Protein backbone atom coordinates (compact mmCIF):
# COMPACT_ATOMS: atom_id res chain seq x y z
CA UNK A 1 55.80 -90.05 73.66
CA UNK A 2 58.21 -88.67 76.30
CA UNK A 3 58.15 -84.91 76.68
CA UNK A 4 61.01 -83.39 78.64
CA UNK A 5 61.74 -79.74 79.44
CA UNK A 6 65.10 -78.28 78.51
CA UNK A 7 67.83 -78.13 81.12
CA UNK A 8 67.39 -74.35 81.17
CA UNK A 9 63.83 -74.80 82.46
CA UNK A 10 65.27 -76.01 85.78
CA UNK A 11 66.21 -72.35 86.38
CA UNK A 12 62.58 -71.24 86.16
CA UNK A 13 60.59 -72.40 89.15
CA UNK A 14 56.81 -72.16 89.19
CA UNK A 15 55.68 -68.82 90.59
CA UNK A 16 53.97 -68.97 93.97
CA UNK A 17 51.26 -66.50 92.96
CA UNK A 18 49.06 -69.28 91.57
CA UNK A 19 49.33 -71.27 94.81
CA UNK A 20 48.44 -68.23 96.90
CA UNK A 21 45.43 -67.49 94.70
CA UNK A 22 44.22 -71.11 94.79
CA UNK A 23 44.53 -71.32 98.59
CA UNK A 24 42.78 -67.96 98.99
CA UNK A 25 39.93 -69.18 96.75
CA UNK A 26 39.64 -72.33 98.87
CA UNK A 27 39.45 -70.29 102.07
CA UNK A 28 36.85 -67.97 100.50
CA UNK A 29 34.65 -70.96 99.71
CA UNK A 30 34.80 -71.83 103.40
CA UNK A 31 33.50 -68.39 104.34
CA UNK A 32 36.71 -66.38 104.86
CA UNK A 33 36.61 -62.78 103.67
CA UNK A 34 39.67 -62.28 101.45
CA UNK A 35 41.68 -59.05 101.15
CA UNK A 36 44.23 -59.50 98.38
CA UNK A 37 47.40 -57.43 98.74
CA UNK A 38 49.60 -59.68 96.62
CA UNK A 39 49.82 -58.61 92.98
CA UNK A 40 50.75 -55.02 92.12
CA UNK A 41 47.91 -54.71 89.63
CA UNK A 42 46.27 -51.26 89.94
CA UNK A 43 42.68 -51.35 91.16
CA UNK A 44 42.04 -47.77 89.98
CA UNK A 45 40.67 -47.67 86.40
CA UNK A 46 42.38 -45.63 83.69
CA UNK A 47 41.35 -42.00 83.26
CA UNK A 48 38.13 -41.59 81.24
CA UNK A 49 40.13 -39.57 78.72
CA UNK A 50 42.18 -42.68 77.97
CA UNK A 51 39.26 -45.10 77.91
CA UNK A 52 37.35 -42.97 75.40
CA UNK A 53 40.43 -42.47 73.21
CA UNK A 54 41.20 -46.19 73.12
CA UNK A 55 37.60 -47.08 72.27
CA UNK A 56 37.47 -44.63 69.36
CA UNK A 57 40.73 -45.87 67.88
CA UNK A 58 39.86 -49.54 68.37
CA UNK A 59 36.71 -49.01 66.26
CA UNK A 60 38.77 -48.08 63.20
CA UNK A 61 39.52 -50.96 60.79
CA UNK A 62 42.90 -49.47 59.87
CA UNK A 63 44.06 -49.83 63.49
CA UNK A 64 44.58 -53.59 63.07
CA UNK A 65 47.83 -53.62 61.12
CA UNK A 66 51.31 -54.51 62.31
CA UNK A 67 53.09 -51.59 63.94
CA UNK A 68 56.53 -53.25 63.88
CA UNK A 69 58.95 -50.97 65.74
CA UNK A 70 56.22 -48.67 67.05
CA UNK A 71 54.58 -45.42 66.03
CA UNK A 72 56.52 -42.18 65.99
CA UNK A 73 53.81 -40.40 67.98
CA UNK A 74 54.54 -42.63 70.97
CA UNK A 75 58.29 -42.01 70.87
CA UNK A 76 57.74 -38.28 70.61
CA UNK A 77 55.35 -38.34 73.59
CA UNK A 78 58.00 -40.15 75.65
CA UNK A 79 60.49 -37.42 74.75
CA UNK A 80 58.06 -34.65 75.73
CA UNK A 81 57.33 -36.41 79.02
CA UNK A 82 61.02 -36.76 79.90
CA UNK A 83 61.68 -33.15 78.97
CA UNK A 84 58.83 -31.83 81.16
CA UNK A 85 59.08 -34.18 84.12
CA UNK A 86 62.78 -35.03 84.32
CA UNK A 87 64.43 -32.16 82.39
CA UNK A 88 66.06 -34.79 80.16
CA UNK A 89 66.34 -34.31 76.40
CA UNK A 90 65.85 -37.41 74.27
CA UNK A 91 65.97 -38.09 70.53
CA UNK A 92 62.77 -39.83 69.42
CA UNK A 93 64.55 -41.65 66.58
CA UNK A 94 67.62 -42.99 68.36
CA UNK A 95 67.08 -42.92 72.12
CA UNK A 96 63.65 -44.52 72.58
CA UNK A 97 62.48 -48.11 72.04
CA UNK A 98 59.10 -49.55 72.94
CA UNK A 99 58.59 -52.83 74.82
CA UNK A 100 55.53 -54.96 75.53
CA UNK A 101 55.42 -53.96 79.17
CA UNK A 102 58.51 -53.65 81.32
CA UNK A 103 58.49 -57.39 82.12
CA UNK A 104 59.16 -58.28 78.49
CA UNK A 105 61.87 -55.66 78.19
CA UNK A 106 63.59 -56.68 81.42
CA UNK A 107 63.58 -60.39 80.65
CA UNK A 108 64.88 -60.03 77.10
CA UNK A 109 67.43 -57.25 77.64
CA UNK A 110 70.30 -59.37 79.06
CA UNK A 111 70.21 -61.51 75.89
CA UNK A 112 71.32 -58.46 73.91
CA UNK A 113 74.43 -57.77 75.99
CA UNK A 114 75.47 -60.81 78.04
CA UNK A 115 77.35 -63.89 76.95
CA UNK A 116 77.32 -67.19 78.81
CA UNK A 117 78.96 -66.72 82.20
CA UNK A 118 79.03 -62.91 82.13
CA UNK A 119 78.26 -61.36 85.50
CA UNK A 120 75.17 -59.20 86.09
CA UNK A 121 75.03 -57.11 89.26
CA UNK A 122 71.57 -57.24 90.80
CA UNK A 123 70.09 -57.09 94.28
CA UNK A 124 68.78 -59.47 96.91
CA UNK A 125 65.82 -59.03 97.29
CA UNK A 126 64.80 -57.94 93.77
CA UNK A 127 61.95 -58.04 91.28
CA UNK A 128 61.69 -61.58 89.91
CA UNK A 129 62.03 -60.60 86.23
CA UNK A 130 65.69 -59.65 86.71
CA UNK A 131 66.77 -63.19 87.58
CA UNK A 132 64.62 -64.60 84.77
CA UNK A 133 66.41 -62.43 82.21
CA UNK A 134 69.84 -63.20 83.63
CA UNK A 135 69.21 -66.96 83.50
CA UNK A 136 67.71 -66.76 80.01
CA UNK A 137 70.91 -65.13 78.77
CA UNK A 138 73.06 -67.74 80.51
CA UNK A 139 74.69 -65.02 82.60
CA UNK A 140 75.62 -65.25 86.28
CA UNK A 141 73.98 -63.01 88.90
CA UNK A 142 75.99 -61.34 91.64
CA UNK A 143 73.67 -60.26 94.42
CA UNK A 144 74.14 -56.99 96.27
CA UNK A 145 72.28 -56.94 99.60
CA UNK A 146 69.74 -54.25 100.43
CA UNK A 147 70.38 -53.45 104.07
CA UNK A 148 68.72 -51.13 106.54
CA UNK A 149 72.15 -49.72 107.42
CA UNK A 150 72.70 -48.58 103.82
CA UNK A 151 69.22 -47.14 103.38
CA UNK A 152 68.23 -50.20 101.30
CA UNK A 153 70.45 -48.94 98.45
CA UNK A 154 72.87 -51.36 96.76
CA UNK A 155 76.35 -50.80 98.18
CA UNK A 156 78.56 -50.55 95.09
CA UNK A 157 81.70 -50.10 97.20
CA UNK A 158 81.20 -53.58 98.64
CA UNK A 159 81.35 -55.28 95.22
CA UNK A 160 84.74 -57.06 94.96
CA UNK A 161 87.03 -55.60 92.30
CA UNK A 162 87.37 -58.98 90.57
CA UNK A 163 83.55 -59.16 90.26
CA UNK A 164 83.19 -55.57 89.05
CA UNK A 165 85.84 -56.12 86.38
CA UNK A 166 83.87 -59.06 84.97
CA UNK A 167 80.44 -57.47 85.24
CA UNK A 168 78.58 -56.61 82.05
CA UNK A 169 75.35 -55.16 83.42
CA UNK A 170 74.12 -53.44 86.60
CA UNK A 171 70.37 -53.49 87.35
CA UNK A 172 68.87 -50.91 89.70
CA UNK A 173 65.25 -50.28 90.72
CA UNK A 174 64.56 -47.07 92.68
CA UNK A 175 61.92 -46.72 94.12
CA UNK A 176 62.08 -50.47 94.22
CA UNK A 177 60.01 -53.61 94.21
CA UNK A 178 59.81 -55.11 96.78
CA UNK A 179 61.83 -52.57 98.83
CA UNK A 180 60.76 -49.02 97.91
CA UNK A 181 64.04 -47.19 98.62
CA UNK A 182 64.48 -43.74 97.07
CA UNK A 183 67.55 -42.63 95.05
CA UNK A 184 69.54 -39.43 95.48
CA UNK A 185 71.65 -37.36 93.09
CA UNK A 186 74.75 -38.34 95.08
CA UNK A 187 73.94 -42.03 94.79
CA UNK A 188 73.31 -41.88 91.04
CA UNK A 189 76.57 -39.97 90.60
CA UNK A 190 78.32 -42.86 92.35
CA UNK A 191 76.59 -45.27 89.97
CA UNK A 192 77.80 -43.35 86.90
CA UNK A 193 81.38 -43.23 88.23
CA UNK A 194 81.28 -46.96 89.04
CA UNK A 195 79.93 -47.85 85.59
CA UNK A 196 82.55 -45.76 83.81
CA UNK A 197 85.38 -47.21 85.90
CA UNK A 198 84.45 -50.82 85.15
CA UNK A 199 82.76 -50.41 81.73
CA UNK A 200 79.37 -51.67 82.93
CA UNK A 201 76.00 -50.95 81.31
CA UNK A 202 73.46 -49.56 83.79
CA UNK A 203 69.78 -50.46 83.54
CA UNK A 204 67.55 -48.43 85.85
CA UNK A 205 64.02 -49.72 86.27
CA UNK A 206 61.89 -46.63 86.94
CA UNK A 207 58.48 -48.32 86.95
CA UNK A 208 57.47 -46.49 90.14
CA UNK A 209 58.81 -43.04 89.28
CA UNK A 210 55.35 -41.46 89.62
CA UNK A 211 54.72 -43.08 93.00
CA UNK A 212 55.94 -40.54 95.55
CA UNK A 213 53.92 -39.26 98.45
CA UNK A 214 55.57 -36.06 99.63
CA UNK A 215 58.41 -33.81 98.57
CA UNK A 216 60.11 -34.08 95.20
CA UNK A 217 59.59 -36.85 92.66
CA UNK A 218 62.13 -39.67 92.46
CA UNK A 219 65.08 -38.80 90.26
CA UNK A 220 65.47 -40.12 86.76
CA UNK A 221 68.81 -41.84 86.42
CA UNK A 222 69.20 -40.12 83.05
CA UNK A 223 69.06 -36.72 84.76
CA UNK A 224 72.45 -37.49 86.30
CA UNK A 225 75.49 -36.04 84.56
CA UNK A 226 77.09 -38.71 82.36
CA UNK A 227 74.26 -41.22 82.81
CA UNK A 228 73.45 -41.39 79.11
CA UNK A 229 77.05 -42.39 78.41
CA UNK A 230 76.69 -45.57 80.47
CA UNK A 231 73.07 -46.53 80.63
CA UNK A 232 69.38 -46.68 79.99
CA UNK A 233 66.11 -46.39 81.90
CA UNK A 234 63.01 -48.52 81.50
CA UNK A 235 59.58 -47.24 82.46
CA UNK A 236 56.09 -48.64 82.18
CA UNK A 237 52.61 -47.18 81.94
CA UNK A 238 51.19 -50.17 83.83
CA UNK A 239 51.25 -48.68 87.32
CA UNK A 240 51.41 -44.91 86.83
CA UNK A 241 48.50 -44.78 84.38
CA UNK A 242 46.54 -47.92 85.36
CA UNK A 243 47.28 -49.46 81.96
CA UNK A 244 48.69 -52.77 83.22
CA UNK A 245 46.70 -54.97 80.84
CA UNK A 246 47.73 -53.01 77.75
CA UNK A 247 51.39 -54.08 78.20
CA UNK A 248 53.16 -50.94 77.04
CA UNK A 249 56.51 -49.61 78.24
CA UNK A 250 59.68 -48.07 76.86
CA UNK A 251 63.45 -47.99 77.27
CA UNK A 252 65.31 -44.69 76.85
CA UNK A 253 68.90 -43.56 77.00
CA UNK A 254 72.20 -44.40 75.33
CA UNK A 255 71.65 -44.49 71.55
CA UNK A 256 74.10 -47.34 70.91
CA UNK A 257 72.46 -49.50 73.56
CA UNK A 258 68.99 -48.65 72.22
CA UNK A 259 70.02 -49.64 68.69
CA UNK A 260 71.13 -53.08 69.88
CA UNK A 261 67.84 -53.55 71.73
CA UNK A 262 65.92 -52.53 68.59
CA UNK A 263 67.83 -55.17 66.63
CA UNK A 264 66.82 -57.82 69.16
CA UNK A 265 63.22 -56.61 69.28
CA UNK A 266 62.90 -56.80 65.50
CA UNK A 267 63.30 -60.57 65.85
CA UNK A 268 60.85 -60.99 68.72
CA UNK A 269 57.59 -59.29 67.82
CA UNK A 270 55.67 -57.11 65.34
CA UNK A 271 54.79 -54.29 67.69
CA UNK A 272 51.98 -53.27 70.02
CA UNK A 273 48.37 -52.63 68.93
CA UNK A 274 48.30 -49.08 67.53
CA UNK A 275 45.34 -47.83 69.67
CA UNK A 276 47.33 -48.83 72.76
CA UNK A 277 50.38 -46.91 71.59
CA UNK A 278 48.41 -43.78 70.74
CA UNK A 279 46.48 -43.94 74.01
CA UNK A 280 49.78 -44.33 75.86
CA UNK A 281 51.06 -41.23 74.06
CA UNK A 282 47.97 -39.33 75.21
CA UNK A 283 48.56 -40.52 78.78
CA UNK A 284 52.14 -39.26 78.75
CA UNK A 285 51.01 -35.88 77.43
CA UNK A 286 48.51 -35.61 80.32
CA UNK A 287 50.76 -37.20 82.94
CA UNK A 288 50.65 -34.38 85.45
CA UNK A 289 46.85 -34.35 85.83
CA UNK A 290 46.50 -38.14 85.75
CA UNK A 291 49.27 -39.01 88.19
CA UNK A 292 48.46 -36.23 90.68
CA UNK A 293 45.13 -37.87 91.48
CA UNK A 294 46.77 -41.29 91.70
CA UNK A 295 49.39 -40.03 94.14
CA UNK A 296 46.76 -38.56 96.45
CA UNK A 297 45.01 -41.92 96.68
CA UNK A 298 48.17 -43.98 97.12
CA UNK A 299 49.66 -41.56 99.67
CA UNK A 300 46.63 -42.15 101.90
CA UNK A 301 46.85 -45.92 101.46
CA UNK A 302 50.59 -45.85 102.14
CA UNK A 303 50.08 -44.00 105.42
CA UNK A 304 47.27 -46.30 106.56
CA UNK A 305 49.21 -49.50 105.88
CA UNK A 306 52.60 -48.29 107.13
CA UNK A 307 51.31 -46.85 110.41
CA UNK A 308 48.89 -49.72 110.95
CA UNK A 309 51.54 -52.42 110.63
CA UNK A 310 53.88 -50.54 112.94
CA UNK A 311 51.12 -50.29 115.55
CA UNK A 312 50.68 -54.07 115.61
CA UNK A 313 54.41 -54.59 116.11
CA UNK A 314 55.68 -55.19 112.59
CA UNK A 315 58.96 -53.68 111.40
CA UNK A 316 58.37 -51.77 108.16
CA UNK A 317 61.08 -50.57 105.77
CA UNK A 318 60.81 -46.76 105.68
CA UNK A 319 59.60 -45.43 102.36
CA UNK A 320 58.18 -42.38 100.68
CA UNK A 321 57.24 -43.93 97.38
CA UNK A 322 56.64 -47.08 95.42
CA UNK A 323 53.56 -49.26 95.25
CA UNK A 324 54.47 -51.71 97.99
CA UNK A 325 55.23 -52.02 101.68
CA UNK A 326 58.10 -54.31 102.73
CA UNK A 327 57.51 -55.58 106.24
CA UNK A 328 59.03 -57.96 108.78
CA UNK A 329 56.42 -59.90 110.73
CA UNK A 330 57.01 -60.82 114.41
CA UNK A 331 56.90 -64.61 114.13
CA UNK A 332 59.47 -67.39 113.79
CA UNK A 333 57.96 -68.82 110.62
CA UNK A 334 59.31 -68.99 107.09
CA UNK A 335 57.86 -66.26 104.92
CA UNK A 336 56.02 -68.82 102.80
CA UNK A 337 54.51 -70.58 105.82
CA UNK A 338 53.46 -67.24 107.28
CA UNK A 339 51.89 -66.09 104.02
CA UNK A 340 49.63 -69.16 103.96
CA UNK A 341 48.92 -68.86 107.69
CA UNK A 342 47.86 -65.23 107.13
CA UNK A 343 45.39 -66.32 104.44
CA UNK A 344 44.04 -69.09 106.67
CA UNK A 345 43.61 -67.00 109.84
CA UNK A 346 43.20 -63.45 108.53
CA UNK A 347 42.14 -63.78 104.91
CA UNK A 348 44.95 -61.41 103.90
CA UNK A 349 46.96 -62.39 100.82
CA UNK A 350 50.59 -61.21 100.75
CA UNK A 351 53.70 -62.29 98.85
CA UNK A 352 56.38 -64.18 100.82
CA UNK A 353 59.65 -62.26 100.87
CA UNK A 354 61.65 -65.23 99.58
CA UNK A 355 59.94 -64.88 96.20
CA UNK A 356 62.33 -61.94 95.72
CA UNK A 357 65.49 -63.62 97.02
CA UNK A 358 66.94 -65.39 100.03
CA UNK A 359 67.29 -62.07 101.90
CA UNK A 360 63.51 -61.85 101.91
CA UNK A 361 63.18 -64.55 104.56
CA UNK A 362 61.14 -63.22 107.45
CA UNK A 363 59.46 -60.54 105.31
CA UNK A 364 56.33 -60.16 103.21
CA UNK A 365 55.42 -57.71 100.47
CA UNK A 366 52.07 -55.94 100.60
CA UNK A 367 50.67 -54.04 97.60
CA UNK A 368 48.68 -50.82 97.93
CA UNK A 369 45.92 -52.14 95.70
CA UNK A 370 42.91 -51.90 98.03
CA UNK A 371 41.16 -48.86 99.43
CA UNK A 372 42.01 -47.44 102.85
CA UNK A 373 39.00 -49.04 104.54
CA UNK A 374 40.08 -52.52 103.41
CA UNK A 375 43.70 -51.81 104.31
CA UNK A 376 42.60 -50.87 107.83
CA UNK A 377 40.62 -54.10 108.04
CA UNK A 378 43.63 -56.06 106.76
CA UNK A 379 45.84 -54.63 109.52
CA UNK A 380 43.22 -55.45 112.17
CA UNK A 381 42.97 -59.03 110.88
CA UNK A 382 46.76 -59.45 110.79
CA UNK A 383 47.00 -58.12 114.34
CA UNK A 384 44.48 -60.72 115.48
CA UNK A 385 46.45 -63.71 114.15
CA UNK A 386 46.87 -66.29 116.92
CA UNK A 387 50.06 -68.32 116.89
CA UNK A 388 51.69 -70.32 119.65
CA UNK A 389 54.05 -68.44 121.96
CA UNK A 390 57.11 -70.39 120.84
CA UNK A 391 56.91 -69.02 117.31
CA UNK A 392 56.32 -65.41 118.32
CA UNK A 393 59.38 -63.18 118.17
């Protein structure tokens, strides 16, 4: 029997994360101490309040039924959270839809709005799920660069008129992954004006909205005047509440857009386990106390890693939020070659920048998922890497 993948599968290359993990495991067997800064999976456990609540609900036999479109208590908790934190009013019935983690929502969303050949405005570099969703829908990505000169914000003014007129969807991620740039009211106002001018749906990925280390919290796109007329925001409880494995997220915003997503979702799944939904609702209702502690921890880690890398001669994208550090290493090696060399010589696992797009060449992404002591050790090990003079910058 001959088994062949579809032609569409040629668009989905095997993720490098498995190769990095396998090589790291091999080096560990040979005695190398490994410090893994690759995946953005929180190392801090969920709040005890959430663990106890989930355990109690999971013990109830009636918890094991289909939830279909989700429980009302979750939607209402999302609305309360947005009202308190972002000063944004939402309707629990028409402006909220649940997804099985933000990855699922991001990958499936373009199917609901894009026809074959439609243009989607995205960034280079960008979170890998965006391209996956665009390709799955048969749409065509148009990449906006994230440059130091523009504060790592997508430059909408540089998008050619003929591209903007054909675009169906604009994807933004602020603070971002892998580049944790921060939005401003002025920038989001430009986004709303751009979307209205060219009739483009805006999707803002706010997965790192609770990750800020000083000053005010990152803005919700929906807090911008007119934003609900043109777009939606997706947020996840994976990072902000250490609930990554529970796979629970939500999309909020424009009611007409939400209704179309609900129609698609009704054909994809039968809902998330009810104890997860109700625990997520509890997390949102206690967001301030849970995320304050998380920010204290991650602010310290952020400072240690940022300052440490700068001291060993790396160029680090300035940031005041997010869960990652985006850094340019001082060697003439491809980002993939350097990532494996760093595991071999330093035992530090990082993600090559090219995973996130061609503009990531020469960069690596480091996640703030180890304590400050290990981050300090990681910097020391990276600074001790020995490479021949001809490949040093």
